[in-house]
């Protein structure tokens, strides 16, 4: 029996790693792909993650943490190359 061909993967979400000002870190925070791109790039992800943090803080009864940095998951920054 022939296999059904799979459809191309259209990612509905982009994963982000979030670092907070107190040093805490969360990985794989999901942000809808529809929010990203355009002239703002990944900046709308910050607003989406802040909203997620606000909802989590409301449910837990703890204040939301302040975000220091947001980077896409899986992107590793390379150290600068030394010139000989």
PDB file of N, CA and C in Angstrom:
ATOM      1  N   UNK A   1       0.836  -1.175   0.000  1.00  0.00           N
ATOM      2  CA  UNK A   1       0.000   0.000   0.000  1.00  0.00           C
ATOM      3  C   UNK A   1       0.883   1.240   0.000  1.00  0.00           C
ATOM      4  N   UNK A   2       0.527   2.215  -0.791  1.00  0.00           N
ATOM      5  CA  UNK A   2       1.319   3.436  -0.882  1.00  0.00           C
ATOM      6  C   UNK A   2       1.073   4.320   0.336  1.00  0.00           C
ATOM      7  N   UNK A   3       2.148   4.975   0.755  1.00  0.00           N
ATOM      8  CA  UNK A   3       2.033   5.897   1.885  1.00  0.00           C
ATOM      9  C   UNK A   3       1.506   7.225   1.416  1.00  0.00           C
ATOM     10  N   UNK A   4       0.799   7.881   2.284  1.00  0.00           N
ATOM     11  CA  UNK A   4       0.288   9.215   2.008  1.00  0.00           C
ATOM     12  C   UNK A   4       1.437  10.211   2.149  1.00  0.00           C
ATOM     13  N   UNK A   5       1.587  11.107   1.204  1.00  0.00           N
ATOM     14  CA  UNK A   5       2.661  12.104   1.292  1.00  0.00           C
ATOM     15  C   UNK A   5       2.336  13.117   2.383  1.00  0.00           C
ATOM     16  N   UNK A   6       3.355  13.449   3.142  1.00  0.00           N
ATOM     17  CA  UNK A   6       3.136  14.410   4.217  1.00  0.00           C
ATOM     18  C   UNK A   6       3.100  15.823   3.658  1.00  0.00           C
ATOM     19  N   UNK A   7       2.375  16.654   4.348  1.00  0.00           N
ATOM     20  CA  UNK A   7       2.272  18.057   3.962  1.00  0.00           C
ATOM     21  C   UNK A   7       3.501  18.793   4.471  1.00  0.00           C
ATOM     22  N   UNK A   8       3.898  19.877   3.805  1.00  0.00           N
ATOM     23  CA  UNK A   8       5.042  20.643   4.326  1.00  0.00           C
ATOM     24  C   UNK A   8       4.706  21.226   5.694  1.00  0.00           C
ATOM     25  N   UNK A   9       5.712  21.282   6.523  1.00  0.00           N
ATOM     26  CA  UNK A   9       5.508  21.794   7.875  1.00  0.00           C
ATOM     27  C   UNK A   9       5.465  23.319   7.861  1.00  0.00           C
ATOM     28  N   UNK A  10       4.328  23.853   8.189  1.00  0.00           N
ATOM     29  CA  UNK A  10       4.202  25.287   8.377  1.00  0.00           C
ATOM     30  C   UNK A  10       4.119  25.512   9.872  1.00  0.00           C
ATOM     31  N   UNK A  11       5.171  26.056  10.416  1.00  0.00           N
ATOM     32  CA  UNK A  11       5.232  26.233  11.866  1.00  0.00           C
ATOM     33  C   UNK A  11       4.194  27.260  12.296  1.00  0.00           C
ATOM     34  N   UNK A  12       3.356  26.869  13.233  1.00  0.00           N
ATOM     35  CA  UNK A  12       2.351  27.778  13.762  1.00  0.00           C
ATOM     36  C   UNK A  12       2.915  28.611  14.909  1.00  0.00           C
ATOM     37  N   UNK A  13       3.975  28.093  15.521  1.00  0.00           N
ATOM     38  CA  UNK A  13       4.577  28.775  16.655  1.00  0.00           C
ATOM     39  C   UNK A  13       6.087  28.840  16.482  1.00  0.00           C
ATOM     40  N   UNK A  14       6.689  29.865  17.088  1.00  0.00           N
ATOM     41  CA  UNK A  14       8.141  29.991  17.173  1.00  0.00           C
ATOM     42  C   UNK A  14       8.473  29.921  18.653  1.00  0.00           C
ATOM     43  N   UNK A  15       9.521  29.181  18.967  1.00  0.00           N
ATOM     44  CA  UNK A  15       9.915  29.006  20.362  1.00  0.00           C
ATOM     45  C   UNK A  15      10.980  30.033  20.750  1.00  0.00           C
ATOM     46  N   UNK A  16      10.868  30.572  21.954  1.00  0.00           N
ATOM     47  CA  UNK A  16      11.811  31.566  22.453  1.00  0.00           C
ATOM     48  C   UNK A  16      12.329  31.161  23.822  1.00  0.00           C
ATOM     49  N   UNK A  17      13.579  31.531  24.101  1.00  0.00           N
ATOM     50  CA  UNK A  17      14.173  31.393  25.429  1.00  0.00           C
ATOM     51  C   UNK A  17      14.120  32.773  26.075  1.00  0.00           C
ATOM     52  N   UNK A  18      13.682  32.826  27.326  1.00  0.00           N
ATOM     53  CA  UNK A  18      13.530  34.099  28.034  1.00  0.00           C
ATOM     54  C   UNK A  18      14.442  34.102  29.248  1.00  0.00           C
ATOM     55  N   UNK A  19      15.221  35.169  29.406  1.00  0.00           N
ATOM     56  CA  UNK A  19      16.052  35.363  30.588  1.00  0.00           C
ATOM     57  C   UNK A  19      15.502  36.573  31.336  1.00  0.00           C
ATOM     58  N   UNK A  20      15.328  36.402  32.642  1.00  0.00           N
ATOM     59  CA  UNK A  20      14.784  37.469  33.468  1.00  0.00           C
ATOM     60  C   UNK A  20      15.906  38.206  34.190  1.00  0.00           C
ATOM     61  N   UNK A  21      15.599  39.383  34.725  1.00  0.00           N
ATOM     62  CA  UNK A  21      16.615  40.213  35.366  1.00  0.00           C
ATOM     63  C   UNK A  21      17.181  39.574  36.628  1.00  0.00           C
ATOM     64  N   UNK A  22      16.434  38.656  37.260  1.00  0.00           N
ATOM     65  CA  UNK A  22      16.955  38.002  38.462  1.00  0.00           C
ATOM     66  C   UNK A  22      17.813  36.782  38.123  1.00  0.00           C
ATOM     67  N   UNK A  23      18.026  36.497  36.834  1.00  0.00           N
ATOM     68  CA  UNK A  23      18.861  35.386  36.412  1.00  0.00           C
ATOM     69  C   UNK A  23      18.084  34.128  36.054  1.00  0.00           C
ATOM     70  N   UNK A  24      16.790  34.104  36.330  1.00  0.00           N
ATOM     71  CA  UNK A  24      15.972  32.939  35.991  1.00  0.00           C
ATOM     72  C   UNK A  24      15.836  32.848  34.475  1.00  0.00           C
ATOM     73  N   UNK A  25      15.605  31.620  33.996  1.00  0.00           N
ATOM     74  CA  UNK A  25      15.491  31.418  32.554  1.00  0.00           C
ATOM     75  C   UNK A  25      14.380  30.421  32.265  1.00  0.00           C
ATOM     76  N   UNK A  26      13.581  30.699  31.232  1.00  0.00           N
ATOM     77  CA  UNK A  26      12.586  29.740  30.759  1.00  0.00           C
ATOM     78  C   UNK A  26      12.892  29.450  29.302  1.00  0.00           C
ATOM     79  N   UNK A  27      12.641  28.227  28.893  1.00  0.00           N
ATOM     80  CA  UNK A  27      12.921  27.814  27.526  1.00  0.00           C
ATOM     81  C   UNK A  27      11.632  27.445  26.814  1.00  0.00           C
ATOM     82  N   UNK A  28      11.691  27.552  25.501  1.00  0.00           N
ATOM     83  CA  UNK A  28      10.614  27.109  24.622  1.00  0.00           C
ATOM     84  C   UNK A  28       9.270  27.759  24.918  1.00  0.00           C
ATOM     85  N   UNK A  29       9.272  29.073  25.048  1.00  0.00           N
ATOM     86  CA  UNK A  29       8.026  29.820  25.196  1.00  0.00           C
ATOM     87  C   UNK A  29       7.443  30.001  23.801  1.00  0.00           C
ATOM     88  N   UNK A  30       6.198  29.585  23.601  1.00  0.00           N
ATOM     89  CA  UNK A  30       5.578  29.590  22.287  1.00  0.00           C
ATOM     90  C   UNK A  30       4.952  30.947  21.964  1.00  0.00           C
ATOM     91  N   UNK A  31       5.265  31.444  20.756  1.00  0.00           N
ATOM     92  CA  UNK A  31       4.691  32.686  20.258  1.00  0.00           C
ATOM     93  C   UNK A  31       4.147  32.394  18.860  1.00  0.00           C
ATOM     94  N   UNK A  32       2.897  32.777  18.572  1.00  0.00           N
ATOM     95  CA  UNK A  32       2.335  32.512  17.246  1.00  0.00           C
ATOM     96  C   UNK A  32       3.167  33.164  16.140  1.00  0.00           C
ATOM     97  N   UNK A  33       3.388  32.418  15.063  1.00  0.00           N
ATOM     98  CA  UNK A  33       4.172  32.905  13.932  1.00  0.00           C
ATOM     99  C   UNK A  33       3.530  34.135  13.304  1.00  0.00           C
ATOM    100  N   UNK A  34       2.213  34.223  13.358  1.00  0.00           N
ATOM    101  CA  UNK A  34       1.497  35.343  12.740  1.00  0.00           C
ATOM    102  C   UNK A  34       1.892  36.693  13.350  1.00  0.00           C
ATOM    103  N   UNK A  35       2.355  36.691  14.594  1.00  0.00           N
ATOM    104  CA  UNK A  35       2.750  37.947  15.243  1.00  0.00           C
ATOM    105  C   UNK A  35       4.121  38.439  14.796  1.00  0.00           C
ATOM    106  N   UNK A  36       4.946  37.537  14.274  1.00  0.00           N
ATOM    107  CA  UNK A  36       6.339  37.855  13.988  1.00  0.00           C
ATOM    108  C   UNK A  36       6.538  38.250  12.530  1.00  0.00           C
ATOM    109  N   UNK A  37       7.708  38.799  12.265  1.00  0.00           N
ATOM    110  CA  UNK A  37       8.052  39.184  10.901  1.00  0.00           C
ATOM    111  C   UNK A  37       7.770  40.656  10.670  1.00  0.00           C
ATOM    112  N   UNK A  38       7.792  41.037   9.429  1.00  0.00           N
ATOM    113  CA  UNK A  38       7.560  42.442   9.104  1.00  0.00           C
ATOM    114  C   UNK A  38       8.718  43.310   9.547  1.00  0.00           C
ATOM    115  N   UNK A  39       8.448  44.576   9.722  1.00  0.00           N
ATOM    116  CA  UNK A  39       9.499  45.526  10.089  1.00  0.00           C
ATOM    117  C   UNK A  39       9.943  45.387  11.535  1.00  0.00           C
ATOM    118  N   UNK A  40       9.067  44.870  12.393  1.00  0.00           N
ATOM    119  CA  UNK A  40       9.393  44.750  13.814  1.00  0.00           C
ATOM    120  C   UNK A  40      10.210  43.514  14.142  1.00  0.00           C
ATOM    121  N   UNK A  41      10.296  42.543  13.234  1.00  0.00           N
ATOM    122  CA  UNK A  41      11.064  41.322  13.490  1.00  0.00           C
ATOM    123  C   UNK A  41      10.489  40.539  14.651  1.00  0.00           C
ATOM    124  N   UNK A  42      11.319  40.242  15.653  1.00  0.00           N
ATOM    125  CA  UNK A  42      10.887  39.451  16.809  1.00  0.00           C
ATOM    126  C   UNK A  42      10.395  40.309  17.966  1.00  0.00           C
ATOM    127  N   UNK A  43      10.349  41.611  17.819  1.00  0.00           N
ATOM    128  CA  UNK A  43       9.940  42.492  18.917  1.00  0.00           C
ATOM    129  C   UNK A  43       8.510  42.203  19.400  1.00  0.00           C
ATOM    130  N   UNK A  44       7.544  41.867  18.525  1.00  0.00           N
ATOM    131  CA  UNK A  44       6.202  41.531  19.030  1.00  0.00           C
ATOM    132  C   UNK A  44       6.190  40.306  19.946  1.00  0.00           C
ATOM    133  N   UNK A  45       7.224  39.474  19.879  1.00  0.00           N
ATOM    134  CA  UNK A  45       7.306  38.313  20.768  1.00  0.00           C
ATOM    135  C   UNK A  45       7.416  38.761  22.215  1.00  0.00           C
ATOM    136  N   UNK A  46       8.111  39.853  22.456  1.00  0.00           N
ATOM    137  CA  UNK A  46       8.258  40.370  23.823  1.00  0.00           C
ATOM    138  C   UNK A  46       6.887  40.691  24.414  1.00  0.00           C
ATOM    139  N   UNK A  47       6.032  41.361  23.643  1.00  0.00           N
ATOM    140  CA  UNK A  47       4.694  41.702  24.135  1.00  0.00           C
ATOM    141  C   UNK A  47       3.870  40.454  24.408  1.00  0.00           C
ATOM    142  N   UNK A  48       3.975  39.453  23.529  1.00  0.00           N
ATOM    143  CA  UNK A  48       3.230  38.214  23.718  1.00  0.00           C
ATOM    144  C   UNK A  48       3.711  37.470  24.966  1.00  0.00           C
ATOM    145  N   UNK A  49       5.017  37.448  25.184  1.00  0.00           N
ATOM    146  CA  UNK A  49       5.563  36.752  26.351  1.00  0.00           C
ATOM    147  C   UNK A  49       5.230  37.511  27.635  1.00  0.00           C
ATOM    148  N   UNK A  50       5.237  38.836  27.586  1.00  0.00           N
ATOM    149  CA  UNK A  50       4.839  39.635  28.756  1.00  0.00           C
ATOM    150  C   UNK A  50       3.393  39.319  29.115  1.00  0.00           C
ATOM    151  N   UNK A  51       2.537  39.197  28.107  1.00  0.00           N
ATOM    152  CA  UNK A  51       1.132  38.864  28.349  1.00  0.00           C
ATOM    153  C   UNK A  51       1.000  37.462  28.945  1.00  0.00           C
ATOM    154  N   UNK A  52       1.797  36.519  28.452  1.00  0.00           N
ATOM    155  CA  UNK A  52       1.795  35.167  29.015  1.00  0.00           C
ATOM    156  C   UNK A  52       2.238  35.201  30.478  1.00  0.00           C
ATOM    157  N   UNK A  53       3.307  35.960  30.766  1.00  0.00           N
ATOM    158  CA  UNK A  53       3.807  36.068  32.139  1.00  0.00           C
ATOM    159  C   UNK A  53       2.762  36.691  33.062  1.00  0.00           C
ATOM    160  N   UNK A  54       2.038  37.686  32.541  1.00  0.00           N
ATOM    161  CA  UNK A  54       1.003  38.346  33.329  1.00  0.00           C
ATOM    162  C   UNK A  54      -0.099  37.349  33.708  1.00  0.00           C
ATOM    163  N   UNK A  55      -0.501  36.505  32.748  1.00  0.00           N
ATOM    164  CA  UNK A  55      -1.537  35.506  33.015  1.00  0.00           C
ATOM    165  C   UNK A  55      -1.046  34.464  34.011  1.00  0.00           C
ATOM    166  N   UNK A  56       0.208  34.043  33.878  1.00  0.00           N
ATOM    167  CA  UNK A  56       0.788  33.065  34.805  1.00  0.00           C
ATOM    168  C   UNK A  56       0.875  33.660  36.210  1.00  0.00           C
ATOM    169  N   UNK A  57       1.302  34.911  36.304  1.00  0.00           N
ATOM    170  CA  UNK A  57       1.427  35.576  37.600  1.00  0.00           C
ATOM    171  C   UNK A  57       0.060  35.742  38.264  1.00  0.00           C
ATOM    172  N   UNK A  58      -0.949  36.021  37.468  1.00  0.00           N
ATOM    173  CA  UNK A  58      -2.296  36.187  38.009  1.00  0.00           C
ATOM    174  C   UNK A  58      -2.791  34.873  38.620  1.00  0.00           C
ATOM    175  N   UNK A  59      -2.536  33.759  37.928  1.00  0.00           N
ATOM    176  CA  UNK A  59      -2.975  32.453  38.423  1.00  0.00           C
ATOM    177  C   UNK A  59      -2.166  31.999  39.638  1.00  0.00           C
ATOM    178  N   UNK A  60      -0.868  32.346  39.672  1.00  0.00           N
ATOM    179  CA  UNK A  60      -0.019  31.877  40.765  1.00  0.00           C
ATOM    180  C   UNK A  60      -0.061  32.792  41.983  1.00  0.00           C
ATOM    181  N   UNK A  61      -0.486  34.035  41.783  1.00  0.00           N
ATOM    182  CA  UNK A  61      -0.523  34.978  42.888  1.00  0.00           C
ATOM    183  C   UNK A  61       0.809  35.654  43.158  1.00  0.00           C
ATOM    184  N   UNK A  62       1.798  35.424  42.279  1.00  0.00           N
ATOM    185  CA  UNK A  62       3.114  36.049  42.420  1.00  0.00           C
ATOM    186  C   UNK A  62       3.252  37.145  41.374  1.00  0.00           C
ATOM    187  N   UNK A  63       4.053  38.183  41.656  1.00  0.00           N
ATOM    188  CA  UNK A  63       4.235  39.239  40.663  1.00  0.00           C
ATOM    189  C   UNK A  63       5.049  38.728  39.462  1.00  0.00           C
ATOM    190  N   UNK A  64       4.767  39.241  38.261  1.00  0.00           N
ATOM    191  CA  UNK A  64       5.540  38.811  37.083  1.00  0.00           C
ATOM    192  C   UNK A  64       6.978  39.323  37.161  1.00  0.00           C
ATOM    193  N   UNK A  65       7.898  38.550  36.608  1.00  0.00           N
ATOM    194  CA  UNK A  65       9.307  38.940  36.599  1.00  0.00           C
ATOM    195  C   UNK A  65       9.584  39.858  35.418  1.00  0.00           C
ATOM    196  N   UNK A  66      10.601  40.690  35.566  1.00  0.00           N
ATOM    197  CA  UNK A  66      10.992  41.598  34.487  1.00  0.00           C
ATOM    198  C   UNK A  66      11.913  40.864  33.523  1.00  0.00           C
ATOM    199  N   UNK A  67      11.616  40.975  32.227  1.00  0.00           N
ATOM    200  CA  UNK A  67      12.376  40.270  31.201  1.00  0.00           C
ATOM    201  C   UNK A  67      13.650  41.037  30.870  1.00  0.00           C
ATOM    202  N   UNK A  68      14.782  40.317  30.829  1.00  0.00           N
ATOM    203  CA  UNK A  68      16.063  40.913  30.449  1.00  0.00           C
ATOM    204  C   UNK A  68      16.305  40.710  28.950  1.00  0.00           C
ATOM    205  N   UNK A  69      16.244  39.457  28.479  1.00  0.00           N
ATOM    206  CA  UNK A  69      16.487  39.175  27.059  1.00  0.00           C
ATOM    207  C   UNK A  69      15.536  38.100  26.554  1.00  0.00           C
ATOM    208  N   UNK A  70      15.273  38.154  25.252  1.00  0.00           N
ATOM    209  CA  UNK A  70      14.480  37.141  24.568  1.00  0.00           C
ATOM    210  C   UNK A  70      15.245  36.742  23.317  1.00  0.00           C
ATOM    211  N   UNK A  71      15.486  35.430  23.145  1.00  0.00           N
ATOM    212  CA  UNK A  71      16.152  34.922  21.944  1.00  0.00           C
ATOM    213  C   UNK A  71      15.393  33.709  21.435  1.00  0.00           C
ATOM    214  N   UNK A  72      15.471  33.482  20.130  1.00  0.00           N
ATOM    215  CA  UNK A  72      14.828  32.299  19.567  1.00  0.00           C
ATOM    216  C   UNK A  72      15.520  31.057  20.091  1.00  0.00           C
ATOM    217  N   UNK A  73      14.743  30.049  20.405  1.00  0.00           N
ATOM    218  CA  UNK A  73      15.300  28.789  20.900  1.00  0.00           C
ATOM    219  C   UNK A  73      16.129  28.127  19.819  1.00  0.00           C
ATOM    220  N   UNK A  74      17.219  27.513  20.241  1.00  0.00           N
ATOM    221  CA  UNK A  74      18.063  26.794  19.301  1.00  0.00           C
ATOM    222  C   UNK A  74      19.121  27.636  18.639  1.00  0.00           C
ATOM    223  N   UNK A  75      19.101  28.945  18.828  1.00  0.00           N
ATOM    224  CA  UNK A  75      20.119  29.817  18.250  1.00  0.00           C
ATOM    225  C   UNK A  75      21.239  29.966  19.273  1.00  0.00           C
ATOM    226  N   UNK A  76      22.415  29.560  18.886  1.00  0.00           N
ATOM    227  CA  UNK A  76      23.571  29.637  19.772  1.00  0.00           C
ATOM    228  C   UNK A  76      24.470  30.762  19.275  1.00  0.00           C
ATOM    229  N   UNK A  77      24.782  31.669  20.169  1.00  0.00           N
ATOM    230  CA  UNK A  77      25.662  32.764  19.785  1.00  0.00           C
ATOM    231  C   UNK A  77      27.096  32.270  19.779  1.00  0.00           C
ATOM    232  N   UNK A  78      27.787  32.574  18.688  1.00  0.00           N
ATOM    233  CA  UNK A  78      29.181  32.154  18.557  1.00  0.00           C
ATOM    234  C   UNK A  78      30.082  33.230  19.163  1.00  0.00           C
ATOM    235  N   UNK A  79      31.163  32.813  19.807  1.00  0.00           N
ATOM    236  CA  UNK A  79      32.096  33.805  20.340  1.00  0.00           C
ATOM    237  C   UNK A  79      32.809  34.494  19.183  1.00  0.00           C
ATOM    238  N   UNK A  80      33.226  35.728  19.372  1.00  0.00           N
ATOM    239  CA  UNK A  80      33.907  36.444  18.282  1.00  0.00           C
ATOM    240  C   UNK A  80      35.209  35.750  17.905  1.00  0.00           C
ATOM    241  N   UNK A  81      35.514  35.761  16.614  1.00  0.00           N
ATOM    242  CA  UNK A  81      36.748  35.143  16.133  1.00  0.00           C
ATOM    243  C   UNK A  81      37.919  36.048  16.411  1.00  0.00           C
ATOM    244  N   UNK A  82      39.041  35.444  16.750  1.00  0.00           N
ATOM    245  CA  UNK A  82      40.263  36.211  16.984  1.00  0.00           C
ATOM    246  C   UNK A  82      40.987  36.377  15.659  1.00  0.00           C
ATOM    247  N   UNK A  83      41.416  37.569  15.408  1.00  0.00           N
ATOM    248  CA  UNK A  83      42.169  37.850  14.191  1.00  0.00           C
ATOM    249  C   UNK A  83      43.639  37.588  14.475  1.00  0.00           C
ATOM    250  N   UNK A  84      44.280  36.835  13.601  1.00  0.00           N
ATOM    251  CA  UNK A  84      45.686  36.490  13.800  1.00  0.00           C
ATOM    252  C   UNK A  84      46.609  37.588  13.336  1.00  0.00           C
TER     253      UNK A  84
END
